[in-house]
Amino acid sequence: MKKVGITGGMGCGKSTVVGEFRALGIPCFVSDIVAAGYYYDLDFLDELRRLLGDEVFLPDGSADKRAVAKTVFSNRQLLEGLNALIHPRVKDDFKAFCYLYADAPYVLFESAILYDYGFDRLMDSVICVYLQLDERLSRLAQRDGASREELMARISNQLPAEEMMRRADYVILNYEGNPRQRQVAYIDNILRQ
């Protein structure tokens, strides 16, 4: 089975592009959504508490994801610790996902940190969704309600978007008015061969 990574900086429109591939019948593994599910797993929450302490938990015992993000994105060592909890689980879940969709022409693995943590080495090829930083910041501020400083702290922990684009096999330029659907259809046609 062909495994295709799809990446890009935060706010570049990866989710929209993934939706276009999904509409073409391609199974899409969205790592952020899968990882969000771990916050309902008691074993994961115990490990998270050991790593970050009680400060990132709400009175009901659930993790305060905003507090987790604020904590780890200001401390590289804690970010690495959180990634060490999440990434092995993501890799295992992706293997199971591939098994379920073994008959598909290919599967997509979406992650903003595809290159940062070696997920690209699991892929046969990589697509980068690209959008300039100013436009990404504008979209993220509307979506997340976060300050520019908070957003830049998160973005600074990712590989620069231009580097992702340079390493990718395919690039989708996700500007308003650019024929995104045509770009997706073109890449899909190549990947199905």
N, C-alpha and C. Protein backbone atom coordinates (compact mmCIF):
# COMPACT_ATOMS: atom_id res chain seq x y z
N MET A 1 0.83 -1.19 0.00
CA MET A 1 0.00 0.00 0.00
C MET A 1 0.86 1.25 0.00
N LYS A 2 0.44 2.22 -0.76
CA LYS A 2 1.14 3.49 -0.83
C LYS A 2 0.70 4.38 0.33
N LYS A 3 1.69 4.93 1.06
CA LYS A 3 1.42 5.84 2.17
C LYS A 3 1.92 7.22 1.77
N VAL A 4 1.04 8.21 1.87
CA VAL A 4 1.36 9.56 1.44
C VAL A 4 1.17 10.51 2.62
N GLY A 5 2.24 11.22 2.97
CA GLY A 5 2.14 12.22 4.02
C GLY A 5 1.63 13.53 3.45
N ILE A 6 0.89 14.25 4.26
CA ILE A 6 0.47 15.59 3.87
C ILE A 6 0.76 16.51 5.05
N THR A 7 1.50 17.57 4.77
CA THR A 7 1.97 18.45 5.84
C THR A 7 1.90 19.90 5.39
N GLY A 8 2.25 20.77 6.29
CA GLY A 8 2.27 22.20 6.05
C GLY A 8 2.20 22.89 7.39
N GLY A 9 2.55 24.15 7.41
CA GLY A 9 2.53 24.89 8.66
C GLY A 9 1.12 25.06 9.20
N MET A 10 1.04 25.33 10.51
CA MET A 10 -0.26 25.58 11.13
C MET A 10 -1.00 26.68 10.36
N GLY A 11 -2.29 26.43 10.11
CA GLY A 11 -3.11 27.44 9.47
C GLY A 11 -3.01 27.53 7.96
N CYS A 12 -2.32 26.58 7.32
CA CYS A 12 -2.14 26.65 5.87
C CYS A 12 -3.32 26.06 5.11
N GLY A 13 -4.23 25.39 5.81
CA GLY A 13 -5.39 24.81 5.13
C GLY A 13 -5.27 23.33 4.85
N LYS A 14 -4.45 22.64 5.64
CA LYS A 14 -4.31 21.19 5.44
C LYS A 14 -5.65 20.47 5.54
N SER A 15 -6.48 20.87 6.51
CA SER A 15 -7.77 20.20 6.71
C SER A 15 -8.66 20.32 5.49
N THR A 16 -8.65 21.49 4.86
CA THR A 16 -9.44 21.70 3.65
C THR A 16 -8.94 20.79 2.53
N VAL A 17 -7.64 20.72 2.39
CA VAL A 17 -7.05 19.88 1.34
C VAL A 17 -7.32 18.40 1.62
N VAL A 18 -7.20 18.00 2.87
CA VAL A 18 -7.52 16.61 3.24
C VAL A 18 -8.98 16.31 2.86
N GLY A 19 -9.87 17.26 3.10
CA GLY A 19 -11.27 17.08 2.71
C GLY A 19 -11.44 16.85 1.23
N GLU A 20 -10.62 17.51 0.43
CA GLU A 20 -10.67 17.32 -1.04
C GLU A 20 -10.25 15.89 -1.41
N PHE A 21 -9.19 15.40 -0.76
CA PHE A 21 -8.77 14.02 -1.03
C PHE A 21 -9.82 13.02 -0.54
N ARG A 22 -10.40 13.31 0.61
CA ARG A 22 -11.43 12.43 1.16
C ARG A 22 -12.62 12.36 0.19
N ALA A 23 -12.97 13.49 -0.42
CA ALA A 23 -14.08 13.51 -1.39
C ALA A 23 -13.78 12.65 -2.61
N LEU A 24 -12.50 12.42 -2.88
CA LEU A 24 -12.09 11.54 -3.99
C LEU A 24 -12.02 10.08 -3.55
N GLY A 25 -12.41 9.80 -2.31
CA GLY A 25 -12.46 8.43 -1.81
C GLY A 25 -11.18 7.94 -1.16
N ILE A 26 -10.28 8.84 -0.84
CA ILE A 26 -9.00 8.46 -0.24
C ILE A 26 -9.13 8.44 1.28
N PRO A 27 -8.74 7.33 1.92
CA PRO A 27 -8.76 7.28 3.39
C PRO A 27 -7.71 8.24 3.96
N CYS A 28 -8.12 9.05 4.93
CA CYS A 28 -7.25 10.09 5.48
C CYS A 28 -7.12 9.94 7.00
N PHE A 29 -5.91 9.77 7.45
CA PHE A 29 -5.57 9.67 8.87
C PHE A 29 -5.11 11.05 9.30
N VAL A 30 -5.88 11.69 10.17
CA VAL A 30 -5.56 13.05 10.62
C VAL A 30 -4.98 12.94 12.02
N SER A 31 -3.68 13.12 12.12
CA SER A 31 -2.98 12.82 13.37
C SER A 31 -3.46 13.67 14.55
N ASP A 32 -3.80 14.95 14.32
CA ASP A 32 -4.28 15.79 15.42
C ASP A 32 -5.59 15.27 16.00
N ILE A 33 -6.48 14.82 15.14
CA ILE A 33 -7.76 14.30 15.62
C ILE A 33 -7.55 13.00 16.39
N VAL A 34 -6.69 12.13 15.86
CA VAL A 34 -6.38 10.88 16.55
C VAL A 34 -5.75 11.18 17.91
N ALA A 35 -4.76 12.08 17.92
CA ALA A 35 -4.07 12.42 19.18
C ALA A 35 -5.01 13.08 20.18
N ALA A 36 -5.98 13.84 19.70
CA ALA A 36 -6.95 14.47 20.62
C ALA A 36 -7.72 13.41 21.40
N GLY A 37 -7.94 12.27 20.78
CA GLY A 37 -8.63 11.18 21.46
C GLY A 37 -7.86 10.62 22.64
N TYR A 38 -6.56 10.77 22.64
CA TYR A 38 -5.75 10.26 23.75
C TYR A 38 -6.08 10.97 25.05
N TYR A 39 -6.58 12.19 24.97
CA TYR A 39 -6.91 12.96 26.17
C TYR A 39 -8.13 12.40 26.91
N TYR A 40 -8.74 11.34 26.36
CA TYR A 40 -9.84 10.64 27.03
C TYR A 40 -9.39 9.28 27.56
N ASP A 41 -8.12 8.96 27.36
CA ASP A 41 -7.55 7.69 27.79
C ASP A 41 -6.91 7.88 29.17
N LEU A 42 -7.35 7.10 30.15
CA LEU A 42 -6.88 7.28 31.53
C LEU A 42 -5.38 7.03 31.67
N ASP A 43 -4.84 6.05 30.95
CA ASP A 43 -3.39 5.80 31.03
C ASP A 43 -2.61 6.99 30.50
N PHE A 44 -3.08 7.55 29.39
CA PHE A 44 -2.42 8.73 28.82
C PHE A 44 -2.49 9.90 29.80
N LEU A 45 -3.65 10.11 30.41
CA LEU A 45 -3.81 11.21 31.36
C LEU A 45 -2.89 11.04 32.57
N ASP A 46 -2.71 9.81 33.03
CA ASP A 46 -1.77 9.57 34.14
C ASP A 46 -0.35 9.95 33.74
N GLU A 47 0.05 9.56 32.53
CA GLU A 47 1.39 9.90 32.05
C GLU A 47 1.54 11.42 31.86
N LEU A 48 0.48 12.05 31.38
CA LEU A 48 0.50 13.50 31.19
C LEU A 48 0.64 14.22 32.53
N ARG A 49 -0.05 13.74 33.55
CA ARG A 49 0.04 14.34 34.89
C ARG A 49 1.46 14.21 35.44
N ARG A 50 2.07 13.04 35.21
CA ARG A 50 3.46 12.85 35.68
C ARG A 50 4.42 13.80 34.96
N LEU A 51 4.15 14.06 33.70
CA LEU A 51 5.02 14.93 32.91
C LEU A 51 4.82 16.41 33.24
N LEU A 52 3.57 16.86 33.29
CA LEU A 52 3.28 18.29 33.37
C LEU A 52 2.73 18.75 34.72
N GLY A 53 2.31 17.82 35.55
CA GLY A 53 1.79 18.19 36.86
C GLY A 53 0.30 18.50 36.85
N ASP A 54 -0.21 18.81 38.02
CA ASP A 54 -1.65 19.06 38.19
C ASP A 54 -2.11 20.37 37.56
N GLU A 55 -1.18 21.29 37.29
CA GLU A 55 -1.54 22.63 36.80
C GLU A 55 -2.28 22.60 35.47
N VAL A 56 -2.12 21.54 34.69
CA VAL A 56 -2.75 21.49 33.37
C VAL A 56 -4.05 20.68 33.39
N PHE A 57 -4.55 20.42 34.59
CA PHE A 57 -5.79 19.66 34.71
C PHE A 57 -6.91 20.51 35.28
N LEU A 58 -8.12 20.25 34.83
CA LEU A 58 -9.31 20.94 35.31
C LEU A 58 -9.83 20.22 36.56
N PRO A 59 -10.70 20.86 37.32
CA PRO A 59 -11.23 20.22 38.54
C PRO A 59 -11.92 18.88 38.30
N ASP A 60 -12.48 18.68 37.10
CA ASP A 60 -13.15 17.40 36.81
C ASP A 60 -12.17 16.28 36.44
N GLY A 61 -10.87 16.59 36.42
CA GLY A 61 -9.86 15.58 36.12
C GLY A 61 -9.45 15.53 34.66
N SER A 62 -10.12 16.29 33.81
CA SER A 62 -9.74 16.30 32.39
C SER A 62 -8.59 17.27 32.19
N ALA A 63 -7.87 17.05 31.10
CA ALA A 63 -6.74 17.93 30.78
C ALA A 63 -7.26 19.22 30.16
N ASP A 64 -6.68 20.33 30.54
CA ASP A 64 -6.97 21.63 29.95
C ASP A 64 -6.00 21.79 28.77
N LYS A 65 -6.48 21.51 27.57
CA LYS A 65 -5.60 21.47 26.39
C LYS A 65 -4.92 22.81 26.13
N ARG A 66 -5.61 23.89 26.44
CA ARG A 66 -4.99 25.20 26.25
C ARG A 66 -3.82 25.39 27.21
N ALA A 67 -3.99 24.93 28.46
CA ALA A 67 -2.91 25.01 29.45
C ALA A 67 -1.76 24.09 29.06
N VAL A 68 -2.09 22.92 28.52
CA VAL A 68 -1.05 21.99 28.04
C VAL A 68 -0.24 22.68 26.95
N ALA A 69 -0.93 23.26 25.96
CA ALA A 69 -0.24 23.93 24.85
C ALA A 69 0.64 25.07 25.35
N LYS A 70 0.10 25.88 26.24
CA LYS A 70 0.86 27.02 26.76
C LYS A 70 2.12 26.55 27.49
N THR A 71 1.99 25.46 28.24
CA THR A 71 3.12 24.92 28.99
C THR A 71 4.20 24.34 28.08
N VAL A 72 3.79 23.49 27.14
CA VAL A 72 4.80 22.80 26.33
C VAL A 72 5.41 23.69 25.26
N PHE A 73 4.64 24.65 24.74
CA PHE A 73 5.20 25.49 23.69
C PHE A 73 6.12 26.58 24.24
N SER A 74 6.23 26.66 25.55
CA SER A 74 7.20 27.58 26.15
C SER A 74 8.38 26.83 26.79
N ASN A 75 8.38 25.49 26.64
CA ASN A 75 9.44 24.68 27.24
C ASN A 75 9.74 23.50 26.32
N ARG A 76 10.83 23.61 25.59
CA ARG A 76 11.18 22.59 24.58
C ARG A 76 11.28 21.19 25.18
N GLN A 77 11.82 21.07 26.40
CA GLN A 77 11.98 19.76 27.04
C GLN A 77 10.61 19.12 27.33
N LEU A 78 9.67 19.93 27.80
CA LEU A 78 8.32 19.40 28.06
C LEU A 78 7.60 19.05 26.76
N LEU A 79 7.84 19.83 25.72
CA LEU A 79 7.26 19.51 24.41
C LEU A 79 7.77 18.16 23.92
N GLU A 80 9.07 17.95 24.06
CA GLU A 80 9.65 16.65 23.67
C GLU A 80 9.04 15.52 24.49
N GLY A 81 8.83 15.76 25.78
CA GLY A 81 8.22 14.76 26.64
C GLY A 81 6.80 14.42 26.20
N LEU A 82 6.03 15.45 25.88
CA LEU A 82 4.66 15.23 25.40
C LEU A 82 4.67 14.46 24.08
N ASN A 83 5.56 14.85 23.19
CA ASN A 83 5.67 14.13 21.91
C ASN A 83 6.06 12.68 22.10
N ALA A 84 6.89 12.40 23.10
CA ALA A 84 7.28 11.01 23.39
C ALA A 84 6.09 10.19 23.89
N LEU A 85 5.10 10.85 24.48
CA LEU A 85 3.88 10.16 24.89
C LEU A 85 2.95 9.91 23.70
N ILE A 86 2.89 10.89 22.81
CA ILE A 86 1.90 10.84 21.73
C ILE A 86 2.38 10.08 20.50
N HIS A 87 3.60 10.33 20.05
CA HIS A 87 4.02 9.82 18.73
C HIS A 87 4.05 8.30 18.60
N PRO A 88 4.51 7.55 19.59
CA PRO A 88 4.43 6.09 19.43
C PRO A 88 2.99 5.59 19.28
N ARG A 89 2.07 6.23 19.98
CA ARG A 89 0.65 5.86 19.85
C ARG A 89 0.15 6.18 18.45
N VAL A 90 0.53 7.35 17.93
CA VAL A 90 0.10 7.74 16.59
C VAL A 90 0.64 6.74 15.55
N LYS A 91 1.90 6.37 15.68
CA LYS A 91 2.48 5.41 14.71
C LYS A 91 1.73 4.08 14.75
N ASP A 92 1.43 3.59 15.95
CA ASP A 92 0.69 2.33 16.07
C ASP A 92 -0.71 2.45 15.48
N ASP A 93 -1.38 3.57 15.75
CA ASP A 93 -2.72 3.75 15.21
C ASP A 93 -2.70 3.89 13.69
N PHE A 94 -1.65 4.50 13.15
CA PHE A 94 -1.55 4.61 11.69
C PHE A 94 -1.34 3.24 11.06
N LYS A 95 -0.54 2.41 11.68
CA LYS A 95 -0.35 1.04 11.15
C LYS A 95 -1.68 0.30 11.10
N ALA A 96 -2.48 0.43 12.16
CA ALA A 96 -3.79 -0.22 12.19
C ALA A 96 -4.70 0.37 11.11
N PHE A 97 -4.63 1.68 10.92
CA PHE A 97 -5.42 2.37 9.89
C PHE A 97 -5.07 1.83 8.50
N CYS A 98 -3.80 1.69 8.23
CA CYS A 98 -3.34 1.17 6.93
C CYS A 98 -3.86 -0.25 6.70
N TYR A 99 -3.86 -1.04 7.74
CA TYR A 99 -4.36 -2.42 7.64
C TYR A 99 -5.85 -2.41 7.25
N LEU A 100 -6.61 -1.48 7.86
CA LEU A 100 -8.05 -1.40 7.58
C LEU A 100 -8.32 -1.00 6.13
N TYR A 101 -7.44 -0.20 5.56
CA TYR A 101 -7.66 0.34 4.21
C TYR A 101 -6.66 -0.22 3.21
N ALA A 102 -6.30 -1.46 3.37
CA ALA A 102 -5.29 -2.09 2.53
C ALA A 102 -5.67 -2.12 1.04
N ASP A 103 -6.96 -2.04 0.73
CA ASP A 103 -7.40 -2.09 -0.66
C ASP A 103 -7.44 -0.71 -1.33
N ALA A 104 -7.19 0.34 -0.58
CA ALA A 104 -7.24 1.69 -1.15
C ALA A 104 -6.05 1.92 -2.07
N PRO A 105 -6.19 2.82 -3.05
CA PRO A 105 -5.05 3.11 -3.94
C PRO A 105 -3.87 3.71 -3.17
N TYR A 106 -4.17 4.45 -2.11
CA TYR A 106 -3.17 5.00 -1.19
C TYR A 106 -3.91 5.56 0.01
N VAL A 107 -3.19 5.81 1.08
CA VAL A 107 -3.77 6.47 2.25
C VAL A 107 -2.98 7.74 2.53
N LEU A 108 -3.67 8.72 3.11
CA LEU A 108 -3.02 9.98 3.51
C LEU A 108 -2.80 9.98 5.01
N PHE A 109 -1.64 10.48 5.41
CA PHE A 109 -1.30 10.70 6.82
C PHE A 109 -1.05 12.18 6.98
N GLU A 110 -1.95 12.89 7.65
CA GLU A 110 -1.83 14.34 7.81
C GLU A 110 -1.16 14.67 9.14
N SER A 111 -0.14 15.52 9.08
CA SER A 111 0.54 15.98 10.28
C SER A 111 1.33 17.25 9.98
N ALA A 112 1.18 18.25 10.85
CA ALA A 112 1.97 19.48 10.70
C ALA A 112 3.44 19.23 11.03
N ILE A 113 3.71 18.17 11.78
CA ILE A 113 5.08 17.88 12.23
C ILE A 113 5.62 16.61 11.59
N LEU A 114 5.23 16.37 10.37
CA LEU A 114 5.62 15.16 9.64
C LEU A 114 7.14 15.00 9.58
N TYR A 115 7.85 16.07 9.24
CA TYR A 115 9.30 16.02 9.13
C TYR A 115 9.98 16.12 10.49
N ASP A 116 9.40 16.90 11.37
CA ASP A 116 10.03 17.19 12.67
C ASP A 116 10.31 15.92 13.47
N TYR A 117 9.42 14.94 13.35
CA TYR A 117 9.55 13.74 14.18
C TYR A 117 9.68 12.45 13.38
N GLY A 118 10.09 12.58 12.13
CA GLY A 118 10.45 11.40 11.34
C GLY A 118 9.29 10.63 10.74
N PHE A 119 8.07 11.17 10.79
CA PHE A 119 6.95 10.46 10.18
C PHE A 119 7.14 10.36 8.66
N ASP A 120 7.89 11.29 8.09
CA ASP A 120 8.11 11.26 6.64
C ASP A 120 8.81 9.97 6.21
N ARG A 121 9.59 9.39 7.10
CA ARG A 121 10.31 8.14 6.76
C ARG A 121 9.37 6.95 6.63
N LEU A 122 8.14 7.10 7.09
CA LEU A 122 7.13 6.03 6.95
C LEU A 122 6.37 6.15 5.63
N MET A 123 6.60 7.26 4.90
CA MET A 123 5.80 7.58 3.72
C MET A 123 6.52 7.25 2.42
N ASP A 124 5.73 6.98 1.40
CA ASP A 124 6.28 6.79 0.05
C ASP A 124 6.48 8.12 -0.66
N SER A 125 5.64 9.09 -0.33
CA SER A 125 5.81 10.44 -0.86
C SER A 125 5.11 11.42 0.08
N VAL A 126 5.40 12.71 -0.13
CA VAL A 126 4.87 13.75 0.76
C VAL A 126 4.31 14.91 -0.06
N ILE A 127 3.16 15.40 0.39
CA ILE A 127 2.53 16.59 -0.17
C ILE A 127 2.66 17.70 0.87
N CYS A 128 3.04 18.88 0.44
CA CYS A 128 3.07 20.05 1.33
C CYS A 128 1.99 21.03 0.89
N VAL A 129 1.19 21.46 1.85
CA VAL A 129 0.22 22.54 1.60
C VAL A 129 0.90 23.82 2.07
N TYR A 130 0.98 24.80 1.19
CA TYR A 130 1.74 26.01 1.51
C TYR A 130 0.86 27.25 1.46
N LEU A 131 1.10 28.13 2.44
CA LEU A 131 0.49 29.44 2.50
C LEU A 131 1.45 30.34 3.27
N GLN A 132 1.59 31.58 2.85
CA GLN A 132 2.52 32.50 3.51
C GLN A 132 2.12 32.75 4.96
N LEU A 133 3.13 33.08 5.78
CA LEU A 133 2.96 33.22 7.22
C LEU A 133 1.89 34.23 7.61
N ASP A 134 1.86 35.40 7.00
CA ASP A 134 0.88 36.43 7.40
C ASP A 134 -0.55 35.93 7.24
N GLU A 135 -0.82 35.26 6.14
CA GLU A 135 -2.16 34.73 5.90
C GLU A 135 -2.47 33.62 6.90
N ARG A 136 -1.49 32.78 7.22
CA ARG A 136 -1.69 31.71 8.21
C ARG A 136 -2.01 32.31 9.58
N LEU A 137 -1.27 33.33 9.98
CA LEU A 137 -1.51 33.96 11.28
C LEU A 137 -2.91 34.56 11.35
N SER A 138 -3.35 35.17 10.27
CA SER A 138 -4.69 35.74 10.22
C SER A 138 -5.75 34.65 10.39
N ARG A 139 -5.60 33.55 9.68
CA ARG A 139 -6.55 32.44 9.78
C ARG A 139 -6.55 31.84 11.18
N LEU A 140 -5.36 31.64 11.74
CA LEU A 140 -5.25 31.03 13.08
C LEU A 140 -5.83 31.92 14.16
N ALA A 141 -5.63 33.23 14.05
CA ALA A 141 -6.18 34.15 15.05
C ALA A 141 -7.71 34.07 15.05
N GLN A 142 -8.31 33.98 13.87
CA GLN A 142 -9.76 33.85 13.77
C GLN A 142 -10.23 32.50 14.30
N ARG A 143 -9.51 31.44 13.96
CA ARG A 143 -9.91 30.08 14.34
C ARG A 143 -9.72 29.80 15.83
N ASP A 144 -8.54 30.17 16.37
CA ASP A 144 -8.18 29.78 17.73
C ASP A 144 -8.38 30.88 18.76
N GLY A 145 -8.53 32.11 18.31
CA GLY A 145 -8.65 33.21 19.26
C GLY A 145 -7.38 33.43 20.08
N ALA A 146 -6.26 32.97 19.56
CA ALA A 146 -4.97 33.10 20.26
C ALA A 146 -4.28 34.39 19.83
N SER A 147 -3.41 34.86 20.68
CA SER A 147 -2.64 36.06 20.36
C SER A 147 -1.55 35.73 19.34
N ARG A 148 -1.04 36.76 18.70
CA ARG A 148 0.06 36.58 17.74
C ARG A 148 1.27 35.93 18.43
N GLU A 149 1.55 36.33 19.68
CA GLU A 149 2.69 35.78 20.42
C GLU A 149 2.50 34.28 20.68
N GLU A 150 1.27 33.89 21.08
CA GLU A 150 1.00 32.46 21.31
C GLU A 150 1.15 31.67 20.02
N LEU A 151 0.63 32.23 18.93
CA LEU A 151 0.70 31.54 17.64
C LEU A 151 2.15 31.42 17.18
N MET A 152 2.92 32.49 17.32
CA MET A 152 4.33 32.43 16.89
C MET A 152 5.13 31.45 17.75
N ALA A 153 4.78 31.31 19.04
CA ALA A 153 5.45 30.33 19.90
C ALA A 153 5.20 28.93 19.38
N ARG A 154 3.97 28.65 18.96
CA ARG A 154 3.65 27.32 18.42
C ARG A 154 4.35 27.11 17.08
N ILE A 155 4.26 28.10 16.21
CA ILE A 155 4.84 27.98 14.87
C ILE A 155 6.36 27.82 14.95
N SER A 156 6.99 28.49 15.92
CA SER A 156 8.46 28.41 16.02
C SER A 156 8.93 27.02 16.41
N ASN A 157 8.02 26.18 16.90
CA ASN A 157 8.38 24.80 17.24
C ASN A 157 8.22 23.86 16.05
N GLN A 158 7.81 24.39 14.91
CA GLN A 158 7.67 23.58 13.70
C GLN A 158 8.77 23.93 12.71
N LEU A 159 9.04 23.00 11.84
CA LEU A 159 9.94 23.26 10.72
C LEU A 159 9.36 24.41 9.89
N PRO A 160 10.17 25.34 9.41
CA PRO A 160 9.64 26.42 8.57
C PRO A 160 8.89 25.87 7.35
N ALA A 161 7.79 26.52 7.02
CA ALA A 161 6.94 26.06 5.91
C ALA A 161 7.72 25.97 4.60
N GLU A 162 8.64 26.89 4.39
CA GLU A 162 9.44 26.86 3.15
C GLU A 162 10.33 25.62 3.09
N GLU A 163 10.82 25.17 4.25
CA GLU A 163 11.62 23.94 4.29
C GLU A 163 10.75 22.72 4.02
N MET A 164 9.54 22.71 4.57
CA MET A 164 8.61 21.60 4.28
C MET A 164 8.34 21.53 2.78
N MET A 165 8.12 22.69 2.18
CA MET A 165 7.84 22.76 0.75
C MET A 165 9.03 22.24 -0.06
N ARG A 166 10.24 22.61 0.35
CA ARG A 166 11.44 22.19 -0.36
C ARG A 166 11.60 20.67 -0.32
N ARG A 167 11.26 20.05 0.80
CA ARG A 167 11.44 18.60 0.96
C ARG A 167 10.34 17.76 0.33
N ALA A 168 9.19 18.36 0.08
CA ALA A 168 8.02 17.61 -0.40
C ALA A 168 8.17 17.16 -1.84
N ASP A 169 7.46 16.11 -2.17
CA ASP A 169 7.39 15.62 -3.55
C ASP A 169 6.38 16.43 -4.37
N TYR A 170 5.33 16.91 -3.70
CA TYR A 170 4.27 17.68 -4.34
C TYR A 170 3.94 18.88 -3.44
N VAL A 171 3.55 19.99 -4.06
CA VAL A 171 3.17 21.19 -3.30
C VAL A 171 1.81 21.67 -3.79
N ILE A 172 0.94 21.98 -2.84
CA ILE A 172 -0.34 22.60 -3.14
C ILE A 172 -0.29 24.01 -2.59
N LEU A 173 -0.43 24.99 -3.48
CA LEU A 173 -0.45 26.40 -3.07
C LEU A 173 -1.89 26.75 -2.75
N ASN A 174 -2.15 27.02 -1.48
CA ASN A 174 -3.52 27.12 -0.99
C ASN A 174 -3.98 28.57 -0.81
N TYR A 175 -3.81 29.37 -1.85
CA TYR A 175 -4.24 30.77 -1.82
C TYR A 175 -5.68 30.87 -2.31
N GLU A 176 -6.39 31.89 -1.82
CA GLU A 176 -7.73 32.17 -2.34
C GLU A 176 -7.62 32.40 -3.85
N GLY A 177 -8.53 31.80 -4.57
CA GLY A 177 -8.53 31.97 -6.02
C GLY A 177 -7.62 31.01 -6.76
N ASN A 178 -6.73 30.33 -6.04
CA ASN A 178 -5.87 29.35 -6.70
C ASN A 178 -6.69 28.07 -6.88
N PRO A 179 -6.54 27.38 -7.98
CA PRO A 179 -7.37 26.19 -8.25
C PRO A 179 -6.95 24.98 -7.40
N ARG A 180 -7.29 25.04 -6.10
CA ARG A 180 -6.90 23.96 -5.18
C ARG A 180 -7.44 22.60 -5.64
N GLN A 181 -8.71 22.57 -6.03
CA GLN A 181 -9.33 21.31 -6.43
C GLN A 181 -8.59 20.69 -7.62
N ARG A 182 -8.16 21.53 -8.55
CA ARG A 182 -7.42 21.05 -9.71
C ARG A 182 -6.06 20.50 -9.30
N GLN A 183 -5.40 21.18 -8.34
CA GLN A 183 -4.10 20.70 -7.85
C GLN A 183 -4.25 19.34 -7.18
N VAL A 184 -5.29 19.20 -6.36
CA VAL A 184 -5.55 17.93 -5.67
C VAL A 184 -5.83 16.82 -6.68
N ALA A 185 -6.68 17.11 -7.67
CA ALA A 185 -7.02 16.10 -8.69
C ALA A 185 -5.78 15.67 -9.47
N TYR A 186 -4.90 16.61 -9.78
CA TYR A 186 -3.67 16.30 -10.50
C TYR A 186 -2.78 15.35 -9.69
N ILE A 187 -2.58 15.67 -8.42
CA ILE A 187 -1.73 14.83 -7.55
C ILE A 187 -2.39 13.47 -7.34
N ASP A 188 -3.69 13.45 -7.13
CA ASP A 188 -4.41 12.19 -6.95
C ASP A 188 -4.22 11.29 -8.16
N ASN A 189 -4.31 11.86 -9.35
CA ASN A 189 -4.16 11.08 -10.57
C ASN A 189 -2.76 10.44 -10.64
N ILE A 190 -1.74 11.18 -10.25
CA ILE A 190 -0.38 10.63 -10.24
C ILE A 190 -0.26 9.52 -9.22
N LEU A 191 -0.80 9.75 -8.00
CA LEU A 191 -0.65 8.77 -6.93
C LEU A 191 -1.40 7.47 -7.20
N ARG A 192 -2.44 7.53 -7.98
CA ARG A 192 -3.21 6.31 -8.29
C ARG A 192 -2.49 5.42 -9.31
N GLN A 193 -1.49 5.94 -9.99
CA GLN A 193 -0.80 5.15 -11.03
C GLN A 193 0.17 4.16 -10.42
